[in-house]
PDB file of all heavy atoms in Angstrom:
ATOM      1  N   ARG A   1       5.233   7.616  -2.585  1.00  0.00           N
ATOM      2  CA  ARG A   1       6.202   7.203  -1.573  1.00  0.00           C
ATOM      3  C   ARG A   1       7.034   8.396  -1.134  1.00  0.00           C
ATOM      4  O   ARG A   1       7.276   9.316  -1.934  1.00  0.00           O
ATOM      5  CB  ARG A   1       7.093   6.074  -2.098  1.00  0.00           C
ATOM      6  CG  ARG A   1       8.003   6.425  -3.253  1.00  0.00           C
ATOM      7  CD  ARG A   1       8.606   5.158  -3.903  1.00  0.00           C
ATOM      8  NE  ARG A   1       9.327   4.361  -2.922  1.00  0.00           N
ATOM      9  CZ  ARG A   1       9.664   3.071  -3.110  1.00  0.00           C
ATOM     10  NH1 ARG A   1       9.334   2.464  -4.244  1.00  0.00           N
ATOM     11  NH2 ARG A   1      10.325   2.421  -2.179  1.00  0.00           N
ATOM     12  N   ASP A   2       7.465   8.354   0.118  1.00  0.00           N
ATOM     13  CA  ASP A   2       8.379   9.351   0.670  1.00  0.00           C
ATOM     14  C   ASP A   2       9.555   8.576   1.235  1.00  0.00           C
ATOM     15  O   ASP A   2       9.502   8.054   2.357  1.00  0.00           O
ATOM     16  CB  ASP A   2       7.678  10.173   1.753  1.00  0.00           C
ATOM     17  CG  ASP A   2       8.542  11.304   2.276  1.00  0.00           C
ATOM     18  OD1 ASP A   2       9.785  11.206   2.177  1.00  0.00           O
ATOM     19  OD2 ASP A   2       7.994  12.272   2.805  1.00  0.00           O
ATOM     20  N   ASN A   3      10.589   8.441   0.437  1.00  0.00           N
ATOM     21  CA  ASN A   3      11.728   7.615   0.845  1.00  0.00           C
ATOM     22  C   ASN A   3      12.440   8.174   2.075  1.00  0.00           C
ATOM     23  O   ASN A   3      12.984   7.417   2.878  1.00  0.00           O
ATOM     24  CB  ASN A   3      12.707   7.465  -0.320  1.00  0.00           C
ATOM     25  CG  ASN A   3      12.135   6.637  -1.460  1.00  0.00           C
ATOM     26  OD1 ASN A   3      11.278   5.781  -1.253  1.00  0.00           O
ATOM     27  ND2 ASN A   3      12.590   6.897  -2.670  1.00  0.00           N
ATOM     28  N   ALA A   4      12.446   9.467   2.214  1.00  0.00           N
ATOM     29  CA  ALA A   4      13.116  10.070   3.368  1.00  0.00           C
ATOM     30  C   ALA A   4      12.447   9.649   4.673  1.00  0.00           C
ATOM     31  O   ALA A   4      13.099   9.541   5.712  1.00  0.00           O
ATOM     32  CB  ALA A   4      13.116  11.585   3.236  1.00  0.00           C
ATOM     33  N   LYS A   5      11.136   9.412   4.611  1.00  0.00           N
ATOM     34  CA  LYS A   5      10.385   9.009   5.802  1.00  0.00           C
ATOM     35  C   LYS A   5      10.116   7.508   5.847  1.00  0.00           C
ATOM     36  O   LYS A   5       9.481   7.031   6.789  1.00  0.00           O
ATOM     37  CB  LYS A   5       9.057   9.766   5.857  1.00  0.00           C
ATOM     38  CG  LYS A   5       9.214  11.271   6.006  1.00  0.00           C
ATOM     39  CD  LYS A   5       7.845  11.951   6.083  1.00  0.00           C
ATOM     40  CE  LYS A   5       8.004  13.454   6.269  1.00  0.00           C
ATOM     41  NZ  LYS A   5       6.686  14.144   6.323  1.00  0.00           N
ATOM     42  N   ASN A   6      10.566   6.770   4.819  1.00  0.00           N
ATOM     43  CA  ASN A   6      10.279   5.332   4.754  1.00  0.00           C
ATOM     44  C   ASN A   6       8.779   5.059   4.762  1.00  0.00           C
ATOM     45  O   ASN A   6       8.297   4.141   5.443  1.00  0.00           O
ATOM     46  CB  ASN A   6      10.956   4.577   5.911  1.00  0.00           C
ATOM     47  CG  ASN A   6      12.107   3.709   5.427  1.00  0.00           C
ATOM     48  OD1 ASN A   6      12.552   3.804   4.288  1.00  0.00           O
ATOM     49  ND2 ASN A   6      12.591   2.851   6.312  1.00  0.00           N
ATOM     50  N   MET A   7       8.048   5.871   4.003  1.00  0.00           N
ATOM     51  CA  MET A   7       6.590   5.794   3.996  1.00  0.00           C
ATOM     52  C   MET A   7       6.068   5.578   2.580  1.00  0.00           C
ATOM     53  O   MET A   7       6.665   6.046   1.605  1.00  0.00           O
ATOM     54  CB  MET A   7       5.978   7.081   4.537  1.00  0.00           C
ATOM     55  CG  MET A   7       6.285   7.398   5.976  1.00  0.00           C
ATOM     56  SD  MET A   7       5.424   6.324   7.152  1.00  0.00           S
ATOM     57  CE  MET A   7       3.725   6.801   6.862  1.00  0.00           C
ATOM     58  N   VAL A   8       4.932   4.880   2.514  1.00  0.00           N
ATOM     59  CA  VAL A   8       4.191   4.738   1.258  1.00  0.00           C
ATOM     60  C   VAL A   8       2.741   5.084   1.557  1.00  0.00           C
ATOM     61  O   VAL A   8       2.225   4.757   2.638  1.00  0.00           O
ATOM     62  CB  VAL A   8       4.288   3.309   0.694  1.00  0.00           C
ATOM     63  CG1 VAL A   8       3.455   3.160  -0.568  1.00  0.00           C
ATOM     64  CG2 VAL A   8       5.733   2.969   0.402  1.00  0.00           C
ATOM     65  N   TYR A   9       2.086   5.721   0.605  1.00  0.00           N
ATOM     66  CA  TYR A   9       0.726   6.180   0.814  1.00  0.00           C
ATOM     67  C   TYR A   9      -0.188   5.684  -0.309  1.00  0.00           C
ATOM     68  O   TYR A   9       0.262   5.419  -1.423  1.00  0.00           O
ATOM     69  CB  TYR A   9       0.689   7.714   0.828  1.00  0.00           C
ATOM     70  CG  TYR A   9       1.636   8.337   1.817  1.00  0.00           C
ATOM     71  CD1 TYR A   9       2.880   8.827   1.417  1.00  0.00           C
ATOM     72  CD2 TYR A   9       1.304   8.424   3.161  1.00  0.00           C
ATOM     73  CE1 TYR A   9       3.761   9.388   2.316  1.00  0.00           C
ATOM     74  CE2 TYR A   9       2.182   8.985   4.080  1.00  0.00           C
ATOM     75  CZ  TYR A   9       3.402   9.466   3.651  1.00  0.00           C
ATOM     76  OH  TYR A   9       4.275  10.021   4.555  1.00  0.00           O
ATOM     77  N   LEU A  10      -1.463   5.582   0.020  1.00  0.00           N
ATOM     78  CA  LEU A  10      -2.467   5.293  -0.991  1.00  0.00           C
ATOM     79  C   LEU A  10      -3.628   6.260  -0.780  1.00  0.00           C
ATOM     80  O   LEU A  10      -4.357   6.144   0.203  1.00  0.00           O
ATOM     81  CB  LEU A  10      -2.965   3.850  -0.901  1.00  0.00           C
ATOM     82  CG  LEU A  10      -3.937   3.438  -2.013  1.00  0.00           C
ATOM     83  CD1 LEU A  10      -3.226   3.400  -3.367  1.00  0.00           C
ATOM     84  CD2 LEU A  10      -4.562   2.070  -1.712  1.00  0.00           C
ATOM     85  N   GLN A  11      -3.744   7.220  -1.682  1.00  0.00           N
ATOM     86  CA  GLN A  11      -4.864   8.147  -1.646  1.00  0.00           C
ATOM     87  C   GLN A  11      -6.016   7.521  -2.416  1.00  0.00           C
ATOM     88  O   GLN A  11      -5.858   7.189  -3.600  1.00  0.00           O
ATOM     89  CB  GLN A  11      -4.473   9.482  -2.283  1.00  0.00           C
ATOM     90  CG  GLN A  11      -5.594  10.500  -2.339  1.00  0.00           C
ATOM     91  CD  GLN A  11      -6.037  10.977  -0.973  1.00  0.00           C
ATOM     92  OE1 GLN A  11      -5.220  11.264  -0.112  1.00  0.00           O
ATOM     93  NE2 GLN A  11      -7.356  11.053  -0.765  1.00  0.00           N
ATOM     94  N   MET A  12      -7.139   7.357  -1.743  1.00  0.00           N
ATOM     95  CA  MET A  12      -8.296   6.694  -2.339  1.00  0.00           C
ATOM     96  C   MET A  12      -9.449   7.679  -2.405  1.00  0.00           C
ATOM     97  O   MET A  12      -9.907   8.169  -1.367  1.00  0.00           O
ATOM     98  CB  MET A  12      -8.692   5.464  -1.517  1.00  0.00           C
ATOM     99  CG  MET A  12      -7.543   4.484  -1.309  1.00  0.00           C
ATOM    100  SD  MET A  12      -8.093   2.949  -0.535  1.00  0.00           S
ATOM    101  CE  MET A  12      -8.625   3.556   1.053  1.00  0.00           C
ATOM    102  N   ASN A  13      -9.888   7.974  -3.601  1.00  0.00           N
ATOM    103  CA  ASN A  13     -10.999   8.887  -3.824  1.00  0.00           C
ATOM    104  C   ASN A  13     -12.164   8.168  -4.485  1.00  0.00           C
ATOM    105  O   ASN A  13     -12.008   7.073  -5.028  1.00  0.00           O
ATOM    106  CB  ASN A  13     -10.552  10.060  -4.711  1.00  0.00           C
ATOM    107  CG  ASN A  13      -9.441  10.884  -4.091  1.00  0.00           C
ATOM    108  OD1 ASN A  13      -9.354  11.024  -2.876  1.00  0.00           O
ATOM    109  ND2 ASN A  13      -8.577  11.428  -4.937  1.00  0.00           N
ATOM    110  N   SER A  14     -13.325   8.798  -4.442  1.00  0.00           N
ATOM    111  CA  SER A  14     -14.531   8.242  -5.079  1.00  0.00           C
ATOM    112  C   SER A  14     -14.745   6.787  -4.685  1.00  0.00           C
ATOM    113  O   SER A  14     -14.986   5.920  -5.530  1.00  0.00           O
ATOM    114  CB  SER A  14     -14.425   8.364  -6.607  1.00  0.00           C
ATOM    115  OG  SER A  14     -14.261   9.712  -6.989  1.00  0.00           O
ATOM    116  N   LEU A  15     -14.651   6.530  -3.407  1.00  0.00           N
ATOM    117  CA  LEU A  15     -14.762   5.156  -2.915  1.00  0.00           C
ATOM    118  C   LEU A  15     -16.162   4.596  -3.125  1.00  0.00           C
ATOM    119  O   LEU A  15     -17.166   5.328  -3.029  1.00  0.00           O
ATOM    120  CB  LEU A  15     -14.382   5.108  -1.444  1.00  0.00           C
ATOM    121  CG  LEU A  15     -12.869   5.217  -1.184  1.00  0.00           C
ATOM    122  CD1 LEU A  15     -12.598   5.630   0.249  1.00  0.00           C
ATOM    123  CD2 LEU A  15     -12.178   3.904  -1.498  1.00  0.00           C
ATOM    124  N   THR A  16     -16.217   3.311  -3.396  1.00  0.00           N
ATOM    125  CA  THR A  16     -17.478   2.595  -3.576  1.00  0.00           C
ATOM    126  C   THR A  16     -17.521   1.419  -2.597  1.00  0.00           C
ATOM    127  O   THR A  16     -16.478   1.005  -2.073  1.00  0.00           O
ATOM    128  CB  THR A  16     -17.614   2.059  -5.002  1.00  0.00           C
ATOM    129  OG1 THR A  16     -16.730   0.945  -5.169  1.00  0.00           O
ATOM    130  CG2 THR A  16     -17.270   3.119  -6.038  1.00  0.00           C
ATOM    131  N   PRO A  17     -18.702   0.874  -2.353  1.00  0.00           N
ATOM    132  CA  PRO A  17     -18.780  -0.297  -1.460  1.00  0.00           C
ATOM    133  C   PRO A  17     -17.899  -1.455  -1.925  1.00  0.00           C
ATOM    134  O   PRO A  17     -17.442  -2.249  -1.087  1.00  0.00           O
ATOM    135  CB  PRO A  17     -20.267  -0.664  -1.505  1.00  0.00           C
ATOM    136  CG  PRO A  17     -20.960   0.638  -1.762  1.00  0.00           C
ATOM    137  CD  PRO A  17     -20.045   1.379  -2.696  1.00  0.00           C
ATOM    138  N   GLU A  18     -17.639  -1.548  -3.210  1.00  0.00           N
ATOM    139  CA  GLU A  18     -16.780  -2.629  -3.723  1.00  0.00           C
ATOM    140  C   GLU A  18     -15.323  -2.464  -3.295  1.00  0.00           C
ATOM    141  O   GLU A  18     -14.527  -3.391  -3.438  1.00  0.00           O
ATOM    142  CB  GLU A  18     -16.863  -2.684  -5.256  1.00  0.00           C
ATOM    143  CG  GLU A  18     -18.182  -3.214  -5.815  1.00  0.00           C
ATOM    144  CD  GLU A  18     -19.350  -2.265  -5.577  1.00  0.00           C
ATOM    145  OE1 GLU A  18     -19.148  -1.023  -5.662  1.00  0.00           O
ATOM    146  OE2 GLU A  18     -20.468  -2.761  -5.316  1.00  0.00           O
ATOM    147  N   ASP A  19     -14.962  -1.303  -2.802  1.00  0.00           N
ATOM    148  CA  ASP A  19     -13.604  -1.086  -2.301  1.00  0.00           C
ATOM    149  C   ASP A  19     -13.448  -1.547  -0.861  1.00  0.00           C
ATOM    150  O   ASP A  19     -12.339  -1.509  -0.304  1.00  0.00           O
ATOM    151  CB  ASP A  19     -13.235   0.401  -2.390  1.00  0.00           C
ATOM    152  CG  ASP A  19     -13.189   0.905  -3.821  1.00  0.00           C
ATOM    153  OD1 ASP A  19     -12.627   0.206  -4.677  1.00  0.00           O
ATOM    154  OD2 ASP A  19     -13.723   2.010  -4.079  1.00  0.00           O
ATOM    155  N   THR A  20     -14.520  -1.960  -0.236  1.00  0.00           N
ATOM    156  CA  THR A  20     -14.448  -2.452   1.138  1.00  0.00           C
ATOM    157  C   THR A  20     -13.549  -3.681   1.210  1.00  0.00           C
ATOM    158  O   THR A  20     -13.766  -4.663   0.490  1.00  0.00           O
ATOM    159  CB  THR A  20     -15.848  -2.794   1.656  1.00  0.00           C
ATOM    160  OG1 THR A  20     -16.620  -1.594   1.731  1.00  0.00           O
ATOM    161  CG2 THR A  20     -15.780  -3.443   3.030  1.00  0.00           C
ATOM    162  N   ALA A  21     -12.549  -3.623   2.064  1.00  0.00           N
ATOM    163  CA  ALA A  21     -11.586  -4.729   2.187  1.00  0.00           C
ATOM    164  C   ALA A  21     -10.562  -4.374   3.253  1.00  0.00           C
ATOM    165  O   ALA A  21     -10.490  -3.224   3.702  1.00  0.00           O
ATOM    166  CB  ALA A  21     -10.869  -4.971   0.856  1.00  0.00           C
ATOM    167  N   VAL A  22      -9.766  -5.358   3.600  1.00  0.00           N
ATOM    168  CA  VAL A  22      -8.537  -5.091   4.353  1.00  0.00           C
ATOM    169  C   VAL A  22      -7.449  -4.808   3.323  1.00  0.00           C
ATOM    170  O   VAL A  22      -7.255  -5.595   2.388  1.00  0.00           O
ATOM    171  CB  VAL A  22      -8.146  -6.284   5.239  1.00  0.00           C
ATOM    172  CG1 VAL A  22      -6.823  -5.998   5.954  1.00  0.00           C
ATOM    173  CG2 VAL A  22      -9.241  -6.586   6.247  1.00  0.00           C
ATOM    174  N   TYR A  23      -6.753  -3.711   3.508  1.00  0.00           N
ATOM    175  CA  TYR A  23      -5.686  -3.301   2.594  1.00  0.00           C
ATOM    176  C   TYR A  23      -4.335  -3.589   3.233  1.00  0.00           C
ATOM    177  O   TYR A  23      -4.084  -3.173   4.376  1.00  0.00           O
ATOM    178  CB  TYR A  23      -5.813  -1.828   2.241  1.00  0.00           C
ATOM    179  CG  TYR A  23      -6.930  -1.565   1.278  1.00  0.00           C
ATOM    180  CD1 TYR A  23      -8.260  -1.643   1.683  1.00  0.00           C
ATOM    181  CD2 TYR A  23      -6.678  -1.272  -0.063  1.00  0.00           C
ATOM    182  CE1 TYR A  23      -9.300  -1.428   0.792  1.00  0.00           C
ATOM    183  CE2 TYR A  23      -7.710  -1.043  -0.968  1.00  0.00           C
ATOM    184  CZ  TYR A  23      -9.022  -1.134  -0.525  1.00  0.00           C
ATOM    185  OH  TYR A  23     -10.052  -0.926  -1.417  1.00  0.00           O
ATOM    186  N   TYR A  24      -3.489  -4.281   2.478  1.00  0.00           N
ATOM    187  CA  TYR A  24      -2.182  -4.698   2.970  1.00  0.00           C
ATOM    188  C   TYR A  24      -1.077  -3.990   2.191  1.00  0.00           C
ATOM    189  O   TYR A  24      -1.160  -3.835   0.973  1.00  0.00           O
ATOM    190  CB  TYR A  24      -2.013  -6.202   2.793  1.00  0.00           C
ATOM    191  CG  TYR A  24      -2.984  -7.046   3.565  1.00  0.00           C
ATOM    192  CD1 TYR A  24      -4.203  -7.419   3.014  1.00  0.00           C
ATOM    193  CD2 TYR A  24      -2.678  -7.472   4.862  1.00  0.00           C
ATOM    194  CE1 TYR A  24      -5.103  -8.199   3.725  1.00  0.00           C
ATOM    195  CE2 TYR A  24      -3.568  -8.259   5.581  1.00  0.00           C
ATOM    196  CZ  TYR A  24      -4.784  -8.612   5.007  1.00  0.00           C
ATOM    197  OH  TYR A  24      -5.665  -9.387   5.714  1.00  0.00           O
ATOM    198  N   CYS A  25      -0.043  -3.644   2.897  1.00  0.00           N
ATOM    199  CA  CYS A  25       1.142  -3.058   2.297  1.00  0.00           C
ATOM    200  C   CYS A  25       2.193  -4.160   2.121  1.00  0.00           C
ATOM    201  O   CYS A  25       2.358  -5.018   3.007  1.00  0.00           O
ATOM    202  CB  CYS A  25       1.674  -1.959   3.222  1.00  0.00           C
ATOM    203  SG  CYS A  25       3.200  -1.161   2.698  1.00  0.00           S
ATOM    204  N   LYS A  26       2.880  -4.145   0.994  1.00  0.00           N
ATOM    205  CA  LYS A  26       3.929  -5.134   0.745  1.00  0.00           C
ATOM    206  C   LYS A  26       5.173  -4.451   0.203  1.00  0.00           C
ATOM    207  O   LYS A  26       5.088  -3.569  -0.650  1.00  0.00           O
ATOM    208  CB  LYS A  26       3.464  -6.188  -0.266  1.00  0.00           C
ATOM    209  CG  LYS A  26       4.473  -7.317  -0.472  1.00  0.00           C
ATOM    210  CD  LYS A  26       4.003  -8.338  -1.488  1.00  0.00           C
ATOM    211  CE  LYS A  26       4.367  -7.963  -2.896  1.00  0.00           C
ATOM    212  NZ  LYS A  26       4.160  -9.091  -3.839  1.00  0.00           N
ATOM    213  N   ALA A  27       6.320  -4.897   0.718  1.00  0.00           N
ATOM    214  CA  ALA A  27       7.617  -4.488   0.186  1.00  0.00           C
ATOM    215  C   ALA A  27       8.248  -5.705  -0.483  1.00  0.00           C
ATOM    216  O   ALA A  27       8.244  -6.794   0.089  1.00  0.00           O
ATOM    217  CB  ALA A  27       8.522  -3.968   1.297  1.00  0.00           C
ATOM    218  N   SER A  28       8.753  -5.533  -1.689  1.00  0.00           N
ATOM    219  CA  SER A  28       9.335  -6.677  -2.390  1.00  0.00           C
ATOM    220  C   SER A  28      10.609  -6.270  -3.125  1.00  0.00           C
ATOM    221  O   SER A  28      10.723  -5.159  -3.666  1.00  0.00           O
ATOM    222  CB  SER A  28       8.332  -7.266  -3.388  1.00  0.00           C
ATOM    223  OG  SER A  28       7.941  -6.297  -4.337  1.00  0.00           O
ATOM    224  N   ARG A  29      11.558  -7.235  -3.129  1.00  0.00           N
ATOM    225  CA  ARG A  29      12.835  -6.988  -3.807  1.00  0.00           C
ATOM    226  C   ARG A  29      13.526  -8.315  -3.994  1.00  0.00           C
ATOM    227  O   ARG A  29      13.736  -9.036  -3.020  1.00  0.00           O
ATOM    228  CB  ARG A  29      13.704  -6.050  -2.965  1.00  0.00           C
ATOM    229  CG  ARG A  29      15.137  -5.899  -3.432  1.00  0.00           C
ATOM    230  CD  ARG A  29      15.906  -4.976  -2.505  1.00  0.00           C
ATOM    231  NE  ARG A  29      17.345  -5.062  -2.695  1.00  0.00           N
ATOM    232  CZ  ARG A  29      18.014  -4.436  -3.647  1.00  0.00           C
ATOM    233  NH1 ARG A  29      17.380  -3.665  -4.501  1.00  0.00           N
ATOM    234  NH2 ARG A  29      19.325  -4.565  -3.745  1.00  0.00           N
ATOM    235  N   ASN A  30      13.858  -8.634  -5.237  1.00  0.00           N
ATOM    236  CA  ASN A  30      14.628  -9.853  -5.534  1.00  0.00           C
ATOM    237  C   ASN A  30      14.027 -11.095  -4.875  1.00  0.00           C
ATOM    238  O   ASN A  30      14.758 -11.914  -4.305  1.00  0.00           O
ATOM    239  CB  ASN A  30      16.083  -9.671  -5.090  1.00  0.00           C
ATOM    240  CG  ASN A  30      16.796  -8.598  -5.888  1.00  0.00           C
ATOM    241  OD1 ASN A  30      16.415  -8.255  -6.996  1.00  0.00           O
ATOM    242  ND2 ASN A  30      17.845  -8.038  -5.294  1.00  0.00           N
ATOM    243  N   GLY A  31      12.721 -11.226  -4.968  1.00  0.00           N
ATOM    244  CA  GLY A  31      12.074 -12.416  -4.444  1.00  0.00           C
ATOM    245  C   GLY A  31      11.800 -12.400  -2.954  1.00  0.00           C
ATOM    246  O   GLY A  31      11.172 -13.323  -2.420  1.00  0.00           O
ATOM    247  N   ILE A  32      12.244 -11.363  -2.290  1.00  0.00           N
ATOM    248  CA  ILE A  32      11.982 -11.230  -0.853  1.00  0.00           C
ATOM    249  C   ILE A  32      10.748 -10.349  -0.678  1.00  0.00           C
ATOM    250  O   ILE A  32      10.633  -9.316  -1.321  1.00  0.00           O
ATOM    251  CB  ILE A  32      13.181 -10.593  -0.138  1.00  0.00           C
ATOM    252  CG1 ILE A  32      14.401 -11.506  -0.259  1.00  0.00           C
ATOM    253  CG2 ILE A  32      12.855 -10.334   1.335  1.00  0.00           C
ATOM    254  CD1 ILE A  32      15.675 -10.871   0.242  1.00  0.00           C
ATOM    255  N   GLU A  33       9.831 -10.782   0.179  1.00  0.00           N
ATOM    256  CA  GLU A  33       8.607 -10.033   0.420  1.00  0.00           C
ATOM    257  C   GLU A  33       8.391  -9.832   1.912  1.00  0.00           C
ATOM    258  O   GLU A  33       8.636 -10.744   2.715  1.00  0.00           O
ATOM    259  CB  GLU A  33       7.390 -10.793  -0.142  1.00  0.00           C
ATOM    260  CG  GLU A  33       7.391 -10.948  -1.651  1.00  0.00           C
ATOM    261  CD  GLU A  33       6.147 -11.652  -2.134  1.00  0.00           C
ATOM    262  OE1 GLU A  33       5.389 -12.187  -1.298  1.00  0.00           O
ATOM    263  OE2 GLU A  33       5.915 -11.674  -3.361  1.00  0.00           O
ATOM    264  N   TYR A  34       7.889  -8.658   2.237  1.00  0.00           N
ATOM    265  CA  TYR A  34       7.451  -8.355   3.595  1.00  0.00           C
ATOM    266  C   TYR A  34       6.040  -7.786   3.510  1.00  0.00           C
ATOM    267  O   TYR A  34       5.747  -6.967   2.633  1.00  0.00           O
ATOM    268  CB  TYR A  34       8.372  -7.334   4.262  1.00  0.00           C
ATOM    269  CG  TYR A  34       9.815  -7.770   4.374  1.00  0.00           C
ATOM    270  CD1 TYR A  34      10.795  -7.224   3.542  1.00  0.00           C
ATOM    271  CD2 TYR A  34      10.200  -8.721   5.313  1.00  0.00           C
ATOM    272  CE1 TYR A  34      12.116  -7.614   3.636  1.00  0.00           C
ATOM    273  CE2 TYR A  34      11.529  -9.115   5.416  1.00  0.00           C
ATOM    274  CZ  TYR A  34      12.482  -8.568   4.573  1.00  0.00           C
ATOM    275  OH  TYR A  34      13.783  -8.960   4.670  1.00  0.00           O
ATOM    276  N   TRP A  35       5.188  -8.234   4.443  1.00  0.00           N
ATOM    277  CA  TRP A  35       3.804  -7.794   4.463  1.00  0.00           C
ATOM    278  C   TRP A  35       3.473  -7.123   5.790  1.00  0.00           C
ATOM    279  O   TRP A  35       3.980  -7.505   6.842  1.00  0.00           O
ATOM    280  CB  TRP A  35       2.865  -9.002   4.307  1.00  0.00           C
ATOM    281  CG  TRP A  35       2.850  -9.621   2.953  1.00  0.00           C
ATOM    282  CD1 TRP A  35       3.650 -10.633   2.513  1.00  0.00           C
ATOM    283  CD2 TRP A  35       1.990  -9.281   1.868  1.00  0.00           C
ATOM    284  NE1 TRP A  35       3.339 -10.942   1.213  1.00  0.00           N
ATOM    285  CE2 TRP A  35       2.315 -10.140   0.792  1.00  0.00           C
ATOM    286  CE3 TRP A  35       0.963  -8.348   1.694  1.00  0.00           C
ATOM    287  CZ2 TRP A  35       1.655 -10.085  -0.440  1.00  0.00           C
ATOM    288  CZ3 TRP A  35       0.309  -8.292   0.471  1.00  0.00           C
ATOM    289  CH2 TRP A  35       0.653  -9.156  -0.573  1.00  0.00           C
TER     290      TRP A  35
END
């Protein structure tokens, strides 16, 4: 994460066909969620 930029990253290496999917980002705090 880069809090200064309000960004989160996911570096994915050695990918396989089983990793095929839609990837969703979620923010959560005290029971509140944003997708």
